[in-house]
Amino acid sequence: MVHAYFNPAQAAAFNALATTKDSTFEIKYFNLHGLGGVTRTLLAISGNKFTSTNPEDWASEKPLAPFGVMPLLTETSADGKTTIQIAESDAIERYLAHKFGLLGSNAFEEVLVNTFVSNNHSLQYAILAKYLTIKDPELKAANKEPLITNNIAPWIKYHEQHLVANGANGHYVGSKVSLADVVTDFLIGLIQGMTGEELVSKSKTPAIWEVREKLNKIEGLAAWKQTEEFKMLSEKNFAVLGFY
């Protein structure tokens, strides 16, 4: 039996909501940023109303999720008559980026944005899997230097270079915010969770840091970061993963 999330009968609803700007959203995820952080940032930037739902009994809900994992996104039309659901953080992020115009202005720019996002994800998953989610302190310590040498240092080198080539204006592509910028902001948090300001900071990586500073000037995101909910998520994130 086809899972409800993958039922082709949803196609009409997706087509109806894909270009609307007045939907409301619910993101179901744990009470931390984690893999829901980028999605919440995208929603805050959009200015759309969204709620974050922490599952009350994930053990019983887990088998109902398409892959037994979160985040899960529900979008509802302004009139409440049309609803769609999306699983998997990458799919959610790319859907929202497309919907909110954060994939560049043409086909070439879309490829560029997706290229930077793909490279960012490679580092993101490596840091999460090999360091931030590791509970064994000896293994965690052993993994740190190889991660820095083989993954983080090359990422910093190339991304600083590409951002400088685009004018060090806080954006990867052109002069407006994109999904690549948002994912890099998330990565800055991951890297600093490992190394503090040893590798990424305003003075050491000015072009990368400018991405974060430009994002934080967006009204919707700045307002979201001042909420008690965001502060609670940040504290829980630090307690579980070691970064804000």
C-alpha atoms as a PDB file:
ATOM      1  CA  MET A   1       0.000   0.000   0.000  1.00  0.00           C
ATOM      2  CA  VAL A   2       1.315   3.451  -0.947  1.00  0.00           C
ATOM      3  CA  HIS A   3       2.175   5.598   2.069  1.00  0.00           C
ATOM      4  CA  ALA A   4      -0.120   8.619   2.384  1.00  0.00           C
ATOM      5  CA  TYR A   5       2.824  10.990   1.867  1.00  0.00           C
ATOM      6  CA  PHE A   6       3.579   9.356  -1.490  1.00  0.00           C
ATOM      7  CA  ASN A   7       0.016   8.987  -2.779  1.00  0.00           C
ATOM      8  CA  PRO A   8      -0.204  10.399  -6.345  1.00  0.00           C
ATOM      9  CA  ALA A   9      -3.659  11.709  -5.459  1.00  0.00           C
ATOM     10  CA  GLN A  10      -1.802  14.553  -3.698  1.00  0.00           C
ATOM     11  CA  ALA A  11      -0.520  15.914  -7.007  1.00  0.00           C
ATOM     12  CA  ALA A  12      -3.391  18.345  -7.504  1.00  0.00           C
ATOM     13  CA  ALA A  13      -2.981  19.707  -3.977  1.00  0.00           C
ATOM     14  CA  PHE A  14       0.762  20.192  -4.493  1.00  0.00           C
ATOM     15  CA  ASN A  15       0.132  22.017  -7.757  1.00  0.00           C
ATOM     16  CA  ALA A  16      -2.407  24.248  -6.037  1.00  0.00           C
ATOM     17  CA  LEU A  17      -0.110  25.188  -3.148  1.00  0.00           C
ATOM     18  CA  ALA A  18       3.252  25.304  -4.919  1.00  0.00           C
ATOM     19  CA  THR A  19       2.977  28.981  -5.836  1.00  0.00           C
ATOM     20  CA  THR A  20       0.737  30.338  -3.074  1.00  0.00           C
ATOM     21  CA  LYS A  21       2.278  32.754  -0.578  1.00  0.00           C
ATOM     22  CA  ASP A  22      -0.351  32.760   2.178  1.00  0.00           C
ATOM     23  CA  SER A  23      -0.219  29.183   3.467  1.00  0.00           C
ATOM     24  CA  THR A  24       0.348  28.243   7.089  1.00  0.00           C
ATOM     25  CA  PHE A  25       2.805  25.557   8.130  1.00  0.00           C
ATOM     26  CA  GLU A  26       3.421  23.047  10.872  1.00  0.00           C
ATOM     27  CA  ILE A  27       6.849  21.490  11.321  1.00  0.00           C
ATOM     28  CA  LYS A  28       6.930  18.387  13.465  1.00  0.00           C
ATOM     29  CA  TYR A  29      10.321  17.858  15.065  1.00  0.00           C
ATOM     30  CA  PHE A  30      12.000  17.555  18.444  1.00  0.00           C
ATOM     31  CA  ASN A  31      12.471  20.604  20.669  1.00  0.00           C
ATOM     32  CA  LEU A  32      15.848  21.572  19.249  1.00  0.00           C
ATOM     33  CA  HIS A  33      17.164  23.050  16.009  1.00  0.00           C
ATOM     34  CA  GLY A  34      18.836  19.924  14.610  1.00  0.00           C
ATOM     35  CA  LEU A  35      17.570  18.950  11.176  1.00  0.00           C
ATOM     36  CA  GLY A  36      14.581  21.244  11.617  1.00  0.00           C
ATOM     37  CA  GLY A  37      16.697  24.371  11.952  1.00  0.00           C
ATOM     38  CA  VAL A  38      16.997  25.240   8.271  1.00  0.00           C
ATOM     39  CA  THR A  39      13.288  24.664   7.684  1.00  0.00           C
ATOM     40  CA  ARG A  40      12.331  26.990  10.535  1.00  0.00           C
ATOM     41  CA  THR A  41      14.745  29.617   9.208  1.00  0.00           C
ATOM     42  CA  LEU A  42      13.208  29.422   5.731  1.00  0.00           C
ATOM     43  CA  LEU A  43       9.725  29.807   7.176  1.00  0.00           C
ATOM     44  CA  ALA A  44      10.814  32.760   9.320  1.00  0.00           C
ATOM     45  CA  ILE A  45      12.378  34.462   6.305  1.00  0.00           C
ATOM     46  CA  SER A  46       9.176  33.945   4.301  1.00  0.00           C
ATOM     47  CA  GLY A  47       7.034  35.710   6.866  1.00  0.00           C
ATOM     48  CA  ASN A  48       4.463  32.917   6.760  1.00  0.00           C
ATOM     49  CA  LYS A  49       2.839  31.749   9.967  1.00  0.00           C
ATOM     50  CA  PHE A  50       4.239  28.463  11.248  1.00  0.00           C
ATOM     51  CA  THR A  51       4.092  26.351  14.364  1.00  0.00           C
ATOM     52  CA  SER A  52       6.607  23.851  15.696  1.00  0.00           C
ATOM     53  CA  THR A  53       5.158  20.661  17.134  1.00  0.00           C
ATOM     54  CA  ASN A  54       7.122  18.338  19.380  1.00  0.00           C
ATOM     55  CA  PRO A  55       5.666  14.801  19.186  1.00  0.00           C
ATOM     56  CA  GLU A  56       4.041  13.791  22.457  1.00  0.00           C
ATOM     57  CA  ASP A  57       4.758  10.096  21.956  1.00  0.00           C
ATOM     58  CA  TRP A  58       7.311   9.671  19.188  1.00  0.00           C
ATOM     59  CA  ALA A  59       7.624   5.933  19.820  1.00  0.00           C
ATOM     60  CA  SER A  60       4.015   5.431  18.715  1.00  0.00           C
ATOM     61  CA  GLU A  61       4.172   8.031  15.933  1.00  0.00           C
ATOM     62  CA  LYS A  62       7.511   6.878  14.502  1.00  0.00           C
ATOM     63  CA  PRO A  63       6.104   3.873  12.553  1.00  0.00           C
ATOM     64  CA  LEU A  64       3.618   6.198  10.846  1.00  0.00           C
ATOM     65  CA  ALA A  65       6.312   8.468   9.400  1.00  0.00           C
ATOM     66  CA  PRO A  66       7.447   7.530   5.863  1.00  0.00           C
ATOM     67  CA  PHE A  67      10.971   6.619   7.009  1.00  0.00           C
ATOM     68  CA  GLY A  68      10.488   6.638  10.759  1.00  0.00           C
ATOM     69  CA  VAL A  69      12.258   9.979  11.102  1.00  0.00           C
ATOM     70  CA  MET A  70      11.534  13.700  11.333  1.00  0.00           C
ATOM     71  CA  PRO A  71      11.179  16.548  10.434  1.00  0.00           C
ATOM     72  CA  LEU A  72       7.763  16.374   8.808  1.00  0.00           C
ATOM     73  CA  LEU A  73       6.117  19.419   7.248  1.00  0.00           C
ATOM     74  CA  THR A  74       2.402  20.097   6.811  1.00  0.00           C
ATOM     75  CA  GLU A  75       1.254  22.999   4.652  1.00  0.00           C
ATOM     76  CA  THR A  76      -2.339  24.236   4.737  1.00  0.00           C
ATOM     77  CA  SER A  77      -3.958  26.698   2.351  1.00  0.00           C
ATOM     78  CA  ALA A  78      -5.274  30.014   3.663  1.00  0.00           C
ATOM     79  CA  ASP A  79      -8.870  28.787   3.411  1.00  0.00           C
ATOM     80  CA  GLY A  80      -7.996  25.577   5.267  1.00  0.00           C
ATOM     81  CA  LYS A  81      -9.328  23.377   2.482  1.00  0.00           C
ATOM     82  CA  THR A  82      -6.072  22.056   1.027  1.00  0.00           C
ATOM     83  CA  THR A  83      -3.286  20.309   2.924  1.00  0.00           C
ATOM     84  CA  ILE A  84      -0.066  18.634   1.844  1.00  0.00           C
ATOM     85  CA  GLN A  85       2.617  16.796   3.792  1.00  0.00           C
ATOM     86  CA  ILE A  86       6.328  16.459   3.036  1.00  0.00           C
ATOM     87  CA  ALA A  87       8.942  14.223   4.646  1.00  0.00           C
ATOM     88  CA  GLU A  88      12.755  14.459   4.790  1.00  0.00           C
ATOM     89  CA  SER A  89      14.624  17.651   5.619  1.00  0.00           C
ATOM     90  CA  ASP A  90      16.324  18.027   2.229  1.00  0.00           C
ATOM     91  CA  ALA A  91      13.048  17.654   0.311  1.00  0.00           C
ATOM     92  CA  ILE A  92      11.303  20.072   2.681  1.00  0.00           C
ATOM     93  CA  GLU A  93      14.054  22.676   2.367  1.00  0.00           C
ATOM     94  CA  ARG A  94      14.188  22.530  -1.431  1.00  0.00           C
ATOM     95  CA  TYR A  95      10.384  22.693  -1.700  1.00  0.00           C
ATOM     96  CA  LEU A  96      10.240  25.779   0.518  1.00  0.00           C
ATOM     97  CA  ALA A  97      13.191  27.394  -1.252  1.00  0.00           C
ATOM     98  CA  HIS A  98      11.434  26.930  -4.595  1.00  0.00           C
ATOM     99  CA  LYS A  99       8.162  28.237  -3.195  1.00  0.00           C
ATOM    100  CA  PHE A 100       9.744  31.343  -1.668  1.00  0.00           C
ATOM    101  CA  GLY A 101      12.078  32.172  -4.567  1.00  0.00           C
ATOM    102  CA  LEU A 102      15.300  31.149  -2.849  1.00  0.00           C
ATOM    103  CA  LEU A 103      16.749  29.078  -5.699  1.00  0.00           C
ATOM    104  CA  GLY A 104      18.077  31.900  -7.841  1.00  0.00           C
ATOM    105  CA  SER A 105      16.518  33.841 -10.704  1.00  0.00           C
ATOM    106  CA  ASN A 106      17.082  31.448 -13.612  1.00  0.00           C
ATOM    107  CA  ALA A 107      18.034  27.861 -14.437  1.00  0.00           C
ATOM    108  CA  PHE A 108      21.768  28.535 -14.165  1.00  0.00           C
ATOM    109  CA  GLU A 109      21.453  30.196 -10.769  1.00  0.00           C
ATOM    110  CA  GLU A 110      19.252  27.357  -9.534  1.00  0.00           C
ATOM    111  CA  VAL A 111      21.978  24.873 -10.432  1.00  0.00           C
ATOM    112  CA  LEU A 112      24.554  27.023  -8.634  1.00  0.00           C
ATOM    113  CA  VAL A 113      22.437  27.270  -5.487  1.00  0.00           C
ATOM    114  CA  ASN A 114      21.820  23.524  -5.477  1.00  0.00           C
ATOM    115  CA  THR A 115      25.529  22.873  -6.029  1.00  0.00           C
ATOM    116  CA  PHE A 116      26.504  24.867  -2.949  1.00  0.00           C
ATOM    117  CA  VAL A 117      23.691  23.285  -0.940  1.00  0.00           C
ATOM    118  CA  SER A 118      24.807  19.793  -1.937  1.00  0.00           C
ATOM    119  CA  ASN A 119      28.381  20.508  -0.889  1.00  0.00           C
ATOM    120  CA  ASN A 120      27.161  22.023   2.383  1.00  0.00           C
ATOM    121  CA  HIS A 121      25.090  18.945   3.133  1.00  0.00           C
ATOM    122  CA  SER A 122      28.130  16.697   2.687  1.00  0.00           C
ATOM    123  CA  LEU A 123      29.923  18.557   5.472  1.00  0.00           C
ATOM    124  CA  GLN A 124      26.799  18.879   7.609  1.00  0.00           C
ATOM    125  CA  TYR A 125      26.171  15.140   7.647  1.00  0.00           C
ATOM    126  CA  ALA A 126      29.838  14.375   8.339  1.00  0.00           C
ATOM    127  CA  ILE A 127      29.964  16.678  11.377  1.00  0.00           C
ATOM    128  CA  LEU A 128      26.689  15.392  12.770  1.00  0.00           C
ATOM    129  CA  ALA A 129      27.521  11.720  12.224  1.00  0.00           C
ATOM    130  CA  LYS A 130      31.175  11.745  13.247  1.00  0.00           C
ATOM    131  CA  TYR A 131      31.218  14.327  16.013  1.00  0.00           C
ATOM    132  CA  LEU A 132      28.158  16.111  17.367  1.00  0.00           C
ATOM    133  CA  THR A 133      25.997  13.004  17.802  1.00  0.00           C
ATOM    134  CA  ILE A 134      28.819  10.785  19.106  1.00  0.00           C
ATOM    135  CA  LYS A 135      28.395   9.908  22.787  1.00  0.00           C
ATOM    136  CA  ASP A 136      31.720   8.114  23.337  1.00  0.00           C
ATOM    137  CA  PRO A 137      34.177  10.883  24.376  1.00  0.00           C
ATOM    138  CA  GLU A 138      37.237   8.967  23.168  1.00  0.00           C
ATOM    139  CA  LEU A 139      35.757   8.317  19.733  1.00  0.00           C
ATOM    140  CA  LYS A 140      34.569  11.908  19.532  1.00  0.00           C
ATOM    141  CA  ALA A 141      38.048  13.206  20.329  1.00  0.00           C
ATOM    142  CA  ALA A 142      39.639  10.825  17.817  1.00  0.00           C
ATOM    143  CA  ASN A 143      37.286  11.983  15.066  1.00  0.00           C
ATOM    144  CA  LYS A 144      37.852  15.701  15.570  1.00  0.00           C
ATOM    145  CA  GLU A 145      41.197  16.352  13.866  1.00  0.00           C
ATOM    146  CA  PRO A 146      40.485  14.172  10.796  1.00  0.00           C
ATOM    147  CA  LEU A 147      37.168  15.998  10.370  1.00  0.00           C
ATOM    148  CA  ILE A 148      38.896  19.350  10.546  1.00  0.00           C
ATOM    149  CA  THR A 149      41.677  18.351   8.150  1.00  0.00           C
ATOM    150  CA  ASN A 150      39.702  16.340   5.616  1.00  0.00           C
ATOM    151  CA  ASN A 151      36.300  18.015   5.678  1.00  0.00           C
ATOM    152  CA  ILE A 152      36.059  21.377   7.414  1.00  0.00           C
ATOM    153  CA  ALA A 153      39.303  23.028   6.266  1.00  0.00           C
ATOM    154  CA  PRO A 154      38.670  22.306   2.555  1.00  0.00           C
ATOM    155  CA  TRP A 155      35.074  23.522   2.909  1.00  0.00           C
ATOM    156  CA  ILE A 156      36.248  26.793   4.450  1.00  0.00           C
ATOM    157  CA  LYS A 157      38.883  27.287   1.757  1.00  0.00           C
ATOM    158  CA  TYR A 158      36.551  26.761  -1.179  1.00  0.00           C
ATOM    159  CA  HIS A 159      33.491  28.497   0.203  1.00  0.00           C
ATOM    160  CA  GLU A 160      35.420  31.581   1.288  1.00  0.00           C
ATOM    161  CA  GLN A 161      36.907  31.651  -2.206  1.00  0.00           C
ATOM    162  CA  HIS A 162      33.535  31.351  -3.972  1.00  0.00           C
ATOM    163  CA  LEU A 163      31.909  33.964  -1.745  1.00  0.00           C
ATOM    164  CA  VAL A 164      34.766  36.413  -2.364  1.00  0.00           C
ATOM    165  CA  ALA A 165      34.383  35.801  -6.103  1.00  0.00           C
ATOM    166  CA  ASN A 166      30.738  36.867  -5.763  1.00  0.00           C
ATOM    167  CA  GLY A 167      31.787  40.116  -4.130  1.00  0.00           C
ATOM    168  CA  ALA A 168      31.791  38.975  -0.477  1.00  0.00           C
ATOM    169  CA  ASN A 169      28.273  40.422  -0.311  1.00  0.00           C
ATOM    170  CA  GLY A 170      26.840  37.769   1.995  1.00  0.00           C
ATOM    171  CA  HIS A 171      25.338  35.725  -0.825  1.00  0.00           C
ATOM    172  CA  TYR A 172      26.507  32.782  -2.902  1.00  0.00           C
ATOM    173  CA  VAL A 173      24.587  33.677  -6.044  1.00  0.00           C
ATOM    174  CA  GLY A 174      23.932  37.217  -7.225  1.00  0.00           C
ATOM    175  CA  SER A 175      22.852  39.699  -4.611  1.00  0.00           C
ATOM    176  CA  LYS A 176      19.909  38.051  -2.905  1.00  0.00           C
ATOM    177  CA  VAL A 177      19.384  35.406  -0.266  1.00  0.00           C
ATOM    178  CA  SER A 178      19.216  31.769  -1.334  1.00  0.00           C
ATOM    179  CA  LEU A 179      18.929  28.333   0.225  1.00  0.00           C
ATOM    180  CA  ALA A 180      22.727  28.075   0.029  1.00  0.00           C
ATOM    181  CA  ASP A 181      23.072  31.064   2.351  1.00  0.00           C
ATOM    182  CA  VAL A 182      20.656  29.566   4.871  1.00  0.00           C
ATOM    183  CA  VAL A 183      22.410  26.184   4.951  1.00  0.00           C
ATOM    184  CA  THR A 184      25.796  27.857   5.377  1.00  0.00           C
ATOM    185  CA  ASP A 185      24.458  29.794   8.367  1.00  0.00           C
ATOM    186  CA  PHE A 186      23.437  26.457   9.888  1.00  0.00           C
ATOM    187  CA  LEU A 187      26.888  25.016   9.128  1.00  0.00           C
ATOM    188  CA  ILE A 188      28.598  27.899  10.900  1.00  0.00           C
ATOM    189  CA  GLY A 189      26.796  26.777  14.037  1.00  0.00           C
ATOM    190  CA  LEU A 190      27.938  23.183  13.553  1.00  0.00           C
ATOM    191  CA  ILE A 191      31.554  24.165  12.995  1.00  0.00           C
ATOM    192  CA  GLN A 192      31.606  26.499  15.976  1.00  0.00           C
ATOM    193  CA  GLY A 193      30.042  23.746  18.049  1.00  0.00           C
ATOM    194  CA  MET A 194      33.210  21.769  17.369  1.00  0.00           C
ATOM    195  CA  THR A 195      35.885  24.442  17.351  1.00  0.00           C
ATOM    196  CA  GLY A 196      34.507  27.687  18.778  1.00  0.00           C
ATOM    197  CA  GLU A 197      35.914  30.598  16.756  1.00  0.00           C
ATOM    198  CA  GLU A 198      39.129  28.748  15.934  1.00  0.00           C
ATOM    199  CA  LEU A 199      38.182  28.196  12.283  1.00  0.00           C
ATOM    200  CA  VAL A 200      35.145  30.330  11.420  1.00  0.00           C
ATOM    201  CA  SER A 201      34.701  33.893  12.665  1.00  0.00           C
ATOM    202  CA  LYS A 202      34.254  37.446  11.437  1.00  0.00           C
ATOM    203  CA  SER A 203      38.016  38.007  11.372  1.00  0.00           C
ATOM    204  CA  LYS A 204      39.161  34.626  10.025  1.00  0.00           C
ATOM    205  CA  THR A 205      36.486  33.978   7.394  1.00  0.00           C
ATOM    206  CA  PRO A 206      34.926  37.376   6.639  1.00  0.00           C
ATOM    207  CA  ALA A 207      33.081  36.312   3.489  1.00  0.00           C
ATOM    208  CA  ILE A 208      31.506  33.277   5.163  1.00  0.00           C
ATOM    209  CA  TRP A 209      30.647  35.336   8.243  1.00  0.00           C
ATOM    210  CA  GLU A 210      28.969  37.987   6.097  1.00  0.00           C
ATOM    211  CA  VAL A 211      26.435  35.337   5.039  1.00  0.00           C
ATOM    212  CA  ARG A 212      25.312  35.016   8.656  1.00  0.00           C
ATOM    213  CA  GLU A 213      25.247  38.766   9.209  1.00  0.00           C
ATOM    214  CA  LYS A 214      23.147  39.394   6.096  1.00  0.00           C
ATOM    215  CA  LEU A 215      20.649  36.705   7.080  1.00  0.00           C
ATOM    216  CA  ASN A 216      20.285  38.099  10.580  1.00  0.00           C
ATOM    217  CA  LYS A 217      19.213  41.443   9.122  1.00  0.00           C
ATOM    218  CA  ILE A 218      16.123  39.906   7.506  1.00  0.00           C
ATOM    219  CA  GLU A 219      13.151  41.167   9.488  1.00  0.00           C
ATOM    220  CA  GLY A 220      11.262  37.886   9.801  1.00  0.00           C
ATOM    221  CA  LEU A 221      14.334  35.928  10.871  1.00  0.00           C
ATOM    222  CA  ALA A 222      15.473  38.591  13.322  1.00  0.00           C
ATOM    223  CA  ALA A 223      12.014  38.566  14.911  1.00  0.00           C
ATOM    224  CA  TRP A 224      11.957  34.748  15.110  1.00  0.00           C
ATOM    225  CA  LYS A 225      15.316  34.700  16.888  1.00  0.00           C
ATOM    226  CA  GLN A 226      13.950  37.013  19.573  1.00  0.00           C
ATOM    227  CA  THR A 227      11.069  34.697  20.474  1.00  0.00           C
ATOM    228  CA  GLU A 228      11.051  32.588  23.617  1.00  0.00           C
ATOM    229  CA  GLU A 229      10.471  29.512  21.471  1.00  0.00           C
ATOM    230  CA  PHE A 230      13.650  30.089  19.464  1.00  0.00           C
ATOM    231  CA  LYS A 231      15.648  30.657  22.656  1.00  0.00           C
ATOM    232  CA  MET A 232      14.255  27.426  24.139  1.00  0.00           C
ATOM    233  CA  LEU A 233      15.166  25.495  20.983  1.00  0.00           C
ATOM    234  CA  SER A 234      18.682  26.954  21.123  1.00  0.00           C
ATOM    235  CA  GLU A 235      19.184  25.891  24.737  1.00  0.00           C
ATOM    236  CA  LYS A 236      17.917  22.374  24.017  1.00  0.00           C
ATOM    237  CA  ASN A 237      20.112  22.225  20.926  1.00  0.00           C
ATOM    238  CA  PHE A 238      23.182  23.141  22.963  1.00  0.00           C
ATOM    239  CA  ALA A 239      22.332  20.544  25.591  1.00  0.00           C
ATOM    240  CA  VAL A 240      21.960  17.761  23.014  1.00  0.00           C
ATOM    241  CA  LEU A 241      24.330  18.696  20.178  1.00  0.00           C
ATOM    242  CA  GLY A 242      26.700  21.224  21.718  1.00  0.00           C
ATOM    243  CA  PHE A 243      25.939  24.272  19.594  1.00  0.00           C
ATOM    244  CA  TYR A 244      23.382  27.050  19.561  1.00  0.00           C
END
